[in-house]
Amino acid sequence: MHNLSHRPLAPTPLACATTILRLPPECRAQALRLVPPRWRGLVWYQVAWYLPTLARLERDRAARFPAPRRA
């Protein structure tokens, strides 16, 4: 788990959204909860806008590079 302190993840709302999108999927919800209230609307909008594209890219990458199977 990433160590997410109470300061903003990045200096601007758009950089904050970019940082959240770069986190592993299991960390994004926690990171979104830590966005400062004044930025929350813009950051959530940006993340929601780009997430479907990012999910498709992650699925394509997973299909190209399958995880090793556990015995």
Foldseek 3Di string as FASTA:
>chain_A
DDDDDLDQPDDDLVVSLVVLLPDPPVCNVVSLVSHPPVSNVVSVVSNVVCVVVSVVVVVVVCVVPPDDDDD
